Amino acid sequence: MTHRLLGADGPYDSPTPGTLGGHRRLRIYGRLDCPSALRRLARGQYARHRVFFADEATARAAGYRPCARCLPEAYRVWAGNRHRSVT
């Protein structure tokens, strides 16, 4: 079985499933058990834009940001770096 993952260069097939999920339009990634993502999936709002990543480095290289809800520390670092680069 192969799994479709997203990398910095676009989608690719992998023999192992992704460890993180993301939303293509929002350009956000998080844990597969993220309460916010699971709520949206349950409402049918998220599935068609869902992407998967092998790890955080790959998600960031693809231009996605961490979820503030399930990855709060990674989000704080991302937000701090983003704010510093603007000023």
PDB file of N, CA and C in Angstrom:
ATOM      1  N   MET A   1       0.841  -1.180   0.000  1.00  0.00           N
ATOM      2  CA  MET A   1       0.000   0.000   0.000  1.00  0.00           C
ATOM      3  C   MET A   1       0.891   1.250   0.000  1.00  0.00           C
ATOM      4  N   THR A   2       0.506   2.233  -0.784  1.00  0.00           N
ATOM      5  CA  THR A   2       1.238   3.493  -0.787  1.00  0.00           C
ATOM      6  C   THR A   2       0.358   4.601  -0.226  1.00  0.00           C
ATOM      7  N   HIS A   3       1.005   5.605   0.310  1.00  0.00           N
ATOM      8  CA  HIS A   3       0.315   6.747   0.898  1.00  0.00           C
ATOM      9  C   HIS A   3       0.755   7.999   0.165  1.00  0.00           C
ATOM     10  N   ARG A   4      -0.166   8.875  -0.111  1.00  0.00           N
ATOM     11  CA  ARG A   4       0.132  10.121  -0.814  1.00  0.00           C
ATOM     12  C   ARG A   4       0.508  11.183   0.210  1.00  0.00           C
ATOM     13  N   LEU A   5       1.748  11.660   0.165  1.00  0.00           N
ATOM     14  CA  LEU A   5       2.236  12.682   1.081  1.00  0.00           C
ATOM     15  C   LEU A   5       2.602  13.929   0.288  1.00  0.00           C
ATOM     16  N   LEU A   6       2.717  15.028   0.986  1.00  0.00           N
ATOM     17  CA  LEU A   6       3.110  16.282   0.363  1.00  0.00           C
ATOM     18  C   LEU A   6       4.495  16.654   0.852  1.00  0.00           C
ATOM     19  N   GLY A   7       5.365  17.019  -0.075  1.00  0.00           N
ATOM     20  CA  GLY A   7       6.711  17.448   0.253  1.00  0.00           C
ATOM     21  C   GLY A   7       6.964  18.833  -0.299  1.00  0.00           C
ATOM     22  N   ALA A   8       8.155  19.343  -0.123  1.00  0.00           N
ATOM     23  CA  ALA A   8       8.506  20.682  -0.603  1.00  0.00           C
ATOM     24  C   ALA A   8       8.360  20.793  -2.116  1.00  0.00           C
ATOM     25  N   ASP A   9       8.561  19.678  -2.824  1.00  0.00           N
ATOM     26  CA  ASP A   9       8.469  19.675  -4.290  1.00  0.00           C
ATOM     27  C   ASP A   9       7.118  19.194  -4.807  1.00  0.00           C
ATOM     28  N   GLY A  10       6.152  19.007  -3.923  1.00  0.00           N
ATOM     29  CA  GLY A  10       4.824  18.556  -4.333  1.00  0.00           C
ATOM     30  C   GLY A  10       4.500  17.182  -3.789  1.00  0.00           C
ATOM     31  N   PRO A  11       3.393  16.596  -4.261  1.00  0.00           N
ATOM     32  CA  PRO A  11       2.959  15.295  -3.747  1.00  0.00           C
ATOM     33  C   PRO A  11       3.864  14.151  -4.210  1.00  0.00           C
ATOM     34  N   TYR A  12       3.936  13.118  -3.385  1.00  0.00           N
ATOM     35  CA  TYR A  12       4.694  11.921  -3.735  1.00  0.00           C
ATOM     36  C   TYR A  12       4.089  10.725  -3.011  1.00  0.00           C
ATOM     37  N   ASP A  13       4.362   9.523  -3.511  1.00  0.00           N
ATOM     38  CA  ASP A  13       3.884   8.290  -2.893  1.00  0.00           C
ATOM     39  C   ASP A  13       4.937   7.756  -1.932  1.00  0.00           C
ATOM     40  N   SER A  14       4.474   7.278  -0.787  1.00  0.00           N
ATOM     41  CA  SER A  14       5.362   6.771   0.252  1.00  0.00           C
ATOM     42  C   SER A  14       4.844   5.425   0.758  1.00  0.00           C
ATOM     43  N   PRO A  15       5.739   4.513   1.101  1.00  0.00           N
ATOM     44  CA  PRO A  15       5.285   3.240   1.667  1.00  0.00           C
ATOM     45  C   PRO A  15       4.799   3.394   3.108  1.00  0.00           C
ATOM     46  N   THR A  16       5.139   4.510   3.766  1.00  0.00           N
ATOM     47  CA  THR A  16       4.705   4.741   5.147  1.00  0.00           C
ATOM     48  C   THR A  16       3.723   5.915   5.199  1.00  0.00           C
ATOM     49  N   PRO A  17       2.741   5.848   6.086  1.00  0.00           N
ATOM     50  CA  PRO A  17       1.780   6.947   6.191  1.00  0.00           C
ATOM     51  C   PRO A  17       2.409   8.193   6.805  1.00  0.00           C
ATOM     52  N   GLY A  18       1.794   9.320   6.590  1.00  0.00           N
ATOM     53  CA  GLY A  18       2.263  10.565   7.173  1.00  0.00           C
ATOM     54  C   GLY A  18       2.048  10.596   8.671  1.00  0.00           C
ATOM     55  N   THR A  19       2.837  11.387   9.344  1.00  0.00           N
ATOM     56  CA  THR A  19       2.701  11.533  10.795  1.00  0.00           C
ATOM     57  C   THR A  19       1.951  12.803  11.164  1.00  0.00           C
ATOM     58  N   LEU A  20       1.759  13.704  10.177  1.00  0.00           N
ATOM     59  CA  LEU A  20       1.058  14.966  10.399  1.00  0.00           C
ATOM     60  C   LEU A  20       0.051  15.190   9.281  1.00  0.00           C
ATOM     61  N   GLY A  21      -1.037  15.869   9.626  1.00  0.00           N
ATOM     62  CA  GLY A  21      -2.034  16.233   8.628  1.00  0.00           C
ATOM     63  C   GLY A  21      -2.026  17.732   8.430  1.00  0.00           C
ATOM     64  N   GLY A  22      -2.569  18.161   7.319  1.00  0.00           N
ATOM     65  CA  GLY A  22      -2.618  19.584   7.047  1.00  0.00           C
ATOM     66  C   GLY A  22      -3.826  19.957   6.211  1.00  0.00           C
ATOM     67  N   HIS A  23      -3.997  21.244   6.012  1.00  0.00           N
ATOM     68  CA  HIS A  23      -5.094  21.787   5.203  1.00  0.00           C
ATOM     69  C   HIS A  23      -4.467  22.589   4.067  1.00  0.00           C
ATOM     70  N   ARG A  24      -4.712  22.137   2.854  1.00  0.00           N
ATOM     71  CA  ARG A  24      -4.080  22.720   1.672  1.00  0.00           C
ATOM     72  C   ARG A  24      -4.370  24.206   1.515  1.00  0.00           C
ATOM     73  N   ARG A  25      -5.597  24.625   1.733  1.00  0.00           N
ATOM     74  CA  ARG A  25      -5.963  26.027   1.511  1.00  0.00           C
ATOM     75  C   ARG A  25      -5.471  26.940   2.627  1.00  0.00           C
ATOM     76  N   LEU A  26      -5.509  26.461   3.862  1.00  0.00           N
ATOM     77  CA  LEU A  26      -5.068  27.274   4.993  1.00  0.00           C
ATOM     78  C   LEU A  26      -3.555  27.231   5.193  1.00  0.00           C
ATOM     79  N   ARG A  27      -2.900  26.252   4.550  1.00  0.00           N
ATOM     80  CA  ARG A  27      -1.446  26.072   4.663  1.00  0.00           C
ATOM     81  C   ARG A  27      -1.027  25.910   6.125  1.00  0.00           C
ATOM     82  N   ILE A  28      -1.736  24.998   6.810  1.00  0.00           N
ATOM     83  CA  ILE A  28      -1.496  24.721   8.224  1.00  0.00           C
ATOM     84  C   ILE A  28      -1.285  23.221   8.399  1.00  0.00           C
ATOM     85  N   TYR A  29      -0.444  22.826   9.351  1.00  0.00           N
ATOM     86  CA  TYR A  29      -0.256  21.404   9.638  1.00  0.00           C
ATOM     87  C   TYR A  29      -0.356  21.176  11.131  1.00  0.00           C
ATOM     88  N   GLY A  30      -0.698  19.938  11.503  1.00  0.00           N
ATOM     89  CA  GLY A  30      -0.803  19.580  12.909  1.00  0.00           C
ATOM     90  C   GLY A  30      -0.842  18.080  13.102  1.00  0.00           C
ATOM     91  N   ARG A  31      -1.021  17.684  14.347  1.00  0.00           N
ATOM     92  CA  ARG A  31      -1.094  16.263  14.689  1.00  0.00           C
ATOM     93  C   ARG A  31      -2.351  15.651  14.083  1.00  0.00           C
ATOM     94  N   LEU A  32      -2.302  14.360  13.842  1.00  0.00           N
ATOM     95  CA  LEU A  32      -3.459  13.668  13.272  1.00  0.00           C
ATOM     96  C   LEU A  32      -4.621  13.623  14.257  1.00  0.00           C
ATOM     97  N   ASP A  33      -4.349  13.773  15.548  1.00  0.00           N
ATOM     98  CA  ASP A  33      -5.406  13.766  16.558  1.00  0.00           C
ATOM     99  C   ASP A  33      -5.762  15.176  17.034  1.00  0.00           C
ATOM    100  N   CYS A  34      -5.449  16.187  16.253  1.00  0.00           N
ATOM    101  CA  CYS A  34      -5.736  17.576  16.625  1.00  0.00           C
ATOM    102  C   CYS A  34      -7.239  17.776  16.817  1.00  0.00           C
ATOM    103  N   PRO A  35      -7.672  18.283  17.979  1.00  0.00           N
ATOM    104  CA  PRO A  35      -9.096  18.485  18.227  1.00  0.00           C
ATOM    105  C   PRO A  35      -9.762  19.411  17.208  1.00  0.00           C
ATOM    106  N   SER A  36      -9.071  20.455  16.784  1.00  0.00           N
ATOM    107  CA  SER A  36      -9.658  21.389  15.812  1.00  0.00           C
ATOM    108  C   SER A  36      -9.876  20.713  14.469  1.00  0.00           C
ATOM    109  N   ALA A  37      -8.883  19.985  14.004  1.00  0.00           N
ATOM    110  CA  ALA A  37      -9.010  19.292  12.721  1.00  0.00           C
ATOM    111  C   ALA A  37     -10.081  18.212  12.794  1.00  0.00           C
ATOM    112  N   LEU A  38     -10.112  17.456  13.877  1.00  0.00           N
ATOM    113  CA  LEU A  38     -11.109  16.388  14.013  1.00  0.00           C
ATOM    114  C   LEU A  38     -12.529  16.959  14.029  1.00  0.00           C
ATOM    115  N   ARG A  39     -12.711  18.109  14.667  1.00  0.00           N
ATOM    116  CA  ARG A  39     -14.024  18.759  14.683  1.00  0.00           C
ATOM    117  C   ARG A  39     -14.447  19.160  13.262  1.00  0.00           C
ATOM    118  N   ARG A  40     -13.523  19.748  12.532  1.00  0.00           N
ATOM    119  CA  ARG A  40     -13.824  20.158  11.155  1.00  0.00           C
ATOM    120  C   ARG A  40     -14.076  18.955  10.257  1.00  0.00           C
ATOM    121  N   LEU A  41     -13.301  17.897  10.436  1.00  0.00           N
ATOM    122  CA  LEU A  41     -13.523  16.685   9.658  1.00  0.00           C
ATOM    123  C   LEU A  41     -14.903  16.104   9.940  1.00  0.00           C
ATOM    124  N   ALA A  42     -15.308  16.121  11.202  1.00  0.00           N
ATOM    125  CA  ALA A  42     -16.625  15.592  11.577  1.00  0.00           C
ATOM    126  C   ALA A  42     -17.757  16.387  10.930  1.00  0.00           C
ATOM    127  N   ARG A  43     -17.526  17.678  10.702  1.00  0.00           N
ATOM    128  CA  ARG A  43     -18.530  18.535  10.058  1.00  0.00           C
ATOM    129  C   ARG A  43     -18.453  18.473   8.533  1.00  0.00           C
ATOM    130  N   GLY A  44     -17.477  17.730   8.007  1.00  0.00           N
ATOM    131  CA  GLY A  44     -17.327  17.602   6.562  1.00  0.00           C
ATOM    132  C   GLY A  44     -16.673  18.797   5.894  1.00  0.00           C
ATOM    133  N   GLN A  45     -16.004  19.643   6.665  1.00  0.00           N
ATOM    134  CA  GLN A  45     -15.439  20.872   6.118  1.00  0.00           C
ATOM    135  C   GLN A  45     -13.986  20.753   5.698  1.00  0.00           C
ATOM    136  N   TYR A  46     -13.336  19.673   5.966  1.00  0.00           N
ATOM    137  CA  TYR A  46     -11.884  19.637   5.912  1.00  0.00           C
ATOM    138  C   TYR A  46     -11.324  18.582   4.955  1.00  0.00           C
ATOM    139  N   ALA A  47     -12.031  17.491   4.771  1.00  0.00           N
ATOM    140  CA  ALA A  47     -11.470  16.309   4.110  1.00  0.00           C
ATOM    141  C   ALA A  47     -10.948  16.571   2.695  1.00  0.00           C
ATOM    142  N   ARG A  48     -11.639  17.340   1.903  1.00  0.00           N
ATOM    143  CA  ARG A  48     -11.198  17.496   0.507  1.00  0.00           C
ATOM    144  C   ARG A  48      -9.938  18.349   0.372  1.00  0.00           C
ATOM    145  N   HIS A  49      -9.581  19.070   1.411  1.00  0.00           N
ATOM    146  CA  HIS A  49      -8.368  19.889   1.394  1.00  0.00           C
ATOM    147  C   HIS A  49      -7.248  19.286   2.248  1.00  0.00           C
ATOM    148  N   ARG A  50      -7.454  18.064   2.713  1.00  0.00           N
ATOM    149  CA  ARG A  50      -6.520  17.412   3.631  1.00  0.00           C
ATOM    150  C   ARG A  50      -5.275  16.937   2.888  1.00  0.00           C
ATOM    151  N   VAL A  51      -4.117  17.184   3.468  1.00  0.00           N
ATOM    152  CA  VAL A  51      -2.839  16.687   2.969  1.00  0.00           C
ATOM    153  C   VAL A  51      -2.095  16.062   4.144  1.00  0.00           C
ATOM    154  N   PHE A  52      -1.079  15.270   3.839  1.00  0.00           N
ATOM    155  CA  PHE A  52      -0.321  14.588   4.884  1.00  0.00           C
ATOM    156  C   PHE A  52       1.169  14.791   4.662  1.00  0.00           C
ATOM    157  N   PHE A  53       1.899  14.842   5.772  1.00  0.00           N
ATOM    158  CA  PHE A  53       3.339  15.075   5.739  1.00  0.00           C
ATOM    159  C   PHE A  53       4.074  13.987   6.504  1.00  0.00           C
ATOM    160  N   ALA A  54       5.295  13.713   6.085  1.00  0.00           N
ATOM    161  CA  ALA A  54       6.129  12.724   6.773  1.00  0.00           C
ATOM    162  C   ALA A  54       6.558  13.234   8.145  1.00  0.00           C
ATOM    163  N   ASP A  55       6.847  14.557   8.232  1.00  0.00           N
ATOM    164  CA  ASP A  55       7.340  15.127   9.493  1.00  0.00           C
ATOM    165  C   ASP A  55       7.214  16.654   9.444  1.00  0.00           C
ATOM    166  N   GLU A  56       7.551  17.303  10.558  1.00  0.00           N
ATOM    167  CA  GLU A  56       7.415  18.766  10.647  1.00  0.00           C
ATOM    168  C   GLU A  56       8.348  19.500   9.688  1.00  0.00           C
ATOM    169  N   ALA A  57       9.562  19.007   9.531  1.00  0.00           N
ATOM    170  CA  ALA A  57      10.503  19.680   8.630  1.00  0.00           C
ATOM    171  C   ALA A  57       9.965  19.699   7.205  1.00  0.00           C
ATOM    172  N   THR A  58       9.349  18.617   6.784  1.00  0.00           N
ATOM    173  CA  THR A  58       8.781  18.550   5.439  1.00  0.00           C
ATOM    174  C   THR A  58       7.598  19.497   5.306  1.00  0.00           C
ATOM    175  N   ALA A  59       6.756  19.551   6.322  1.00  0.00           N
ATOM    176  CA  ALA A  59       5.600  20.456   6.294  1.00  0.00           C
ATOM    177  C   ALA A  59       6.059  21.902   6.195  1.00  0.00           C
ATOM    178  N   ARG A  60       7.056  22.265   6.980  1.00  0.00           N
ATOM    179  CA  ARG A  60       7.574  23.641   6.926  1.00  0.00           C
ATOM    180  C   ARG A  60       8.230  23.931   5.581  1.00  0.00           C
ATOM    181  N   ALA A  61       8.969  22.958   5.040  1.00  0.00           N
ATOM    182  CA  ALA A  61       9.622  23.143   3.733  1.00  0.00           C
ATOM    183  C   ALA A  61       8.590  23.325   2.619  1.00  0.00           C
ATOM    184  N   ALA A  62       7.394  22.761   2.810  1.00  0.00           N
ATOM    185  CA  ALA A  62       6.320  22.910   1.829  1.00  0.00           C
ATOM    186  C   ALA A  62       5.568  24.230   1.997  1.00  0.00           C
ATOM    187  N   GLY A  63       5.956  25.021   3.018  1.00  0.00           N
ATOM    188  CA  GLY A  63       5.351  26.330   3.222  1.00  0.00           C
ATOM    189  C   GLY A  63       4.158  26.354   4.154  1.00  0.00           C
ATOM    190  N   TYR A  64       4.013  25.324   4.979  1.00  0.00           N
ATOM    191  CA  TYR A  64       2.900  25.248   5.925  1.00  0.00           C
ATOM    192  C   TYR A  64       3.359  25.712   7.297  1.00  0.00           C
ATOM    193  N   ARG A  65       2.418  26.207   8.096  1.00  0.00           N
ATOM    194  CA  ARG A  65       2.719  26.659   9.454  1.00  0.00           C
ATOM    195  C   ARG A  65       2.115  25.696  10.461  1.00  0.00           C
ATOM    196  N   PRO A  66       2.657  25.652  11.681  1.00  0.00           N
ATOM    197  CA  PRO A  66       2.114  24.763  12.707  1.00  0.00           C
ATOM    198  C   PRO A  66       0.765  25.251  13.240  1.00  0.00           C
ATOM    199  N   CYS A  67      -0.036  24.308  13.675  1.00  0.00           N
ATOM    200  CA  CYS A  67      -1.340  24.589  14.279  1.00  0.00           C
ATOM    201  C   CYS A  67      -1.137  25.137  15.692  1.00  0.00           C
ATOM    202  N   ALA A  68      -1.814  26.208  16.008  1.00  0.00           N
ATOM    203  CA  ALA A  68      -1.705  26.816  17.337  1.00  0.00           C
ATOM    204  C   ALA A  68      -2.354  25.944  18.403  1.00  0.00           C
ATOM    205  N   ARG A  69      -3.323  25.133  18.016  1.00  0.00           N
ATOM    206  CA  ARG A  69      -4.061  24.321  18.989  1.00  0.00           C
ATOM    207  C   ARG A  69      -3.290  23.072  19.429  1.00  0.00           C
ATOM    208  N   CYS A  70      -2.800  22.292  18.466  1.00  0.00           N
ATOM    209  CA  CYS A  70      -2.171  21.020  18.834  1.00  0.00           C
ATOM    210  C   CYS A  70      -0.646  21.075  18.874  1.00  0.00           C
ATOM    211  N   LEU A  71      -0.051  22.138  18.324  1.00  0.00           N
ATOM    212  CA  LEU A  71       1.401  22.315  18.359  1.00  0.00           C
ATOM    213  C   LEU A  71       1.722  23.722  18.870  1.00  0.00           C
ATOM    214  N   PRO A  72       1.281  24.049  20.085  1.00  0.00           N
ATOM    215  CA  PRO A  72       1.400  25.427  20.565  1.00  0.00           C
ATOM    216  C   PRO A  72       2.838  25.951  20.641  1.00  0.00           C
ATOM    217  N   GLU A  73       3.783  25.123  21.044  1.00  0.00           N
ATOM    218  CA  GLU A  73       5.166  25.603  21.142  1.00  0.00           C
ATOM    219  C   GLU A  73       5.741  25.877  19.753  1.00  0.00           C
ATOM    220  N   ALA A  74       5.521  24.971  18.814  1.00  0.00           N
ATOM    221  CA  ALA A  74       5.995  25.183  17.440  1.00  0.00           C
ATOM    222  C   ALA A  74       5.322  26.409  16.830  1.00  0.00           C
ATOM    223  N   TYR A  75       4.052  26.615  17.161  1.00  0.00           N
ATOM    224  CA  TYR A  75       3.344  27.792  16.651  1.00  0.00           C
ATOM    225  C   TYR A  75       3.953  29.076  17.219  1.00  0.00           C
ATOM    226  N   ARG A  76       4.253  29.087  18.531  1.00  0.00           N
ATOM    227  CA  ARG A  76       4.858  30.281  19.147  1.00  0.00           C
ATOM    228  C   ARG A  76       6.196  30.628  18.492  1.00  0.00           C
ATOM    229  N   VAL A  77       7.002  29.616  18.226  1.00  0.00           N
ATOM    230  CA  VAL A  77       8.285  29.842  17.562  1.00  0.00           C
ATOM    231  C   VAL A  77       8.048  30.393  16.161  1.00  0.00           C
ATOM    232  N   TRP A  78       7.130  29.768  15.420  1.00  0.00           N
ATOM    233  CA  TRP A  78       6.818  30.231  14.065  1.00  0.00           C
ATOM    234  C   TRP A  78       6.313  31.676  14.087  1.00  0.00           C
ATOM    235  N   ALA A  79       5.391  31.968  14.984  1.00  0.00           N
ATOM    236  CA  ALA A  79       4.821  33.311  15.063  1.00  0.00           C
ATOM    237  C   ALA A  79       5.882  34.335  15.462  1.00  0.00           C
ATOM    238  N   GLY A  80       6.755  33.970  16.385  1.00  0.00           N
ATOM    239  CA  GLY A  80       7.821  34.873  16.797  1.00  0.00           C
ATOM    240  C   GLY A  80       8.789  35.160  15.666  1.00  0.00           C
ATOM    241  N   ASN A  81       9.154  34.144  14.922  1.00  0.00           N
ATOM    242  CA  ASN A  81      10.054  34.317  13.782  1.00  0.00           C
ATOM    243  C   ASN A  81       9.400  35.145  12.687  1.00  0.00           C
ATOM    244  N   ARG A  82       8.132  34.919  12.464  1.00  0.00           N
ATOM    245  CA  ARG A  82       7.400  35.646  11.431  1.00  0.00           C
ATOM    246  C   ARG A  82       7.312  37.126  11.796  1.00  0.00           C
ATOM    247  N   HIS A  83       7.022  37.387  13.068  1.00  0.00           N
ATOM    248  CA  HIS A  83       6.891  38.767  13.528  1.00  0.00           C
ATOM    249  C   HIS A  83       8.221  39.509  13.430  1.00  0.00           C
ATOM    250  N   ARG A  84       9.306  38.830  13.793  1.00  0.00           N
ATOM    251  CA  ARG A  84      10.631  39.451  13.729  1.00  0.00           C
ATOM    252  C   ARG A  84      11.049  39.769  12.301  1.00  0.00           C
ATOM    253  N   SER A  85      10.669  38.913  11.338  1.00  0.00           N
ATOM    254  CA  SER A  85      11.082  39.148   9.948  1.00  0.00           C
ATOM    255  C   SER A  85      10.293  40.280   9.310  1.00  0.00           C
ATOM    256  N   VAL A  86       9.138  40.637   9.867  1.00  0.00           N
ATOM    257  CA  VAL A  86       8.311  41.731   9.335  1.00  0.00           C
ATOM    258  C   VAL A  86       8.834  43.067   9.796  1.00  0.00           C
ATOM    259  N   THR A  87       9.362  43.126  11.010  1.00  0.00           N
ATOM    260  CA  THR A  87       9.811  44.415  11.556  1.00  0.00           C
ATOM    261  C   THR A  87      11.202  44.772  11.115  1.00  0.00           C
TER     262      THR A  87
END
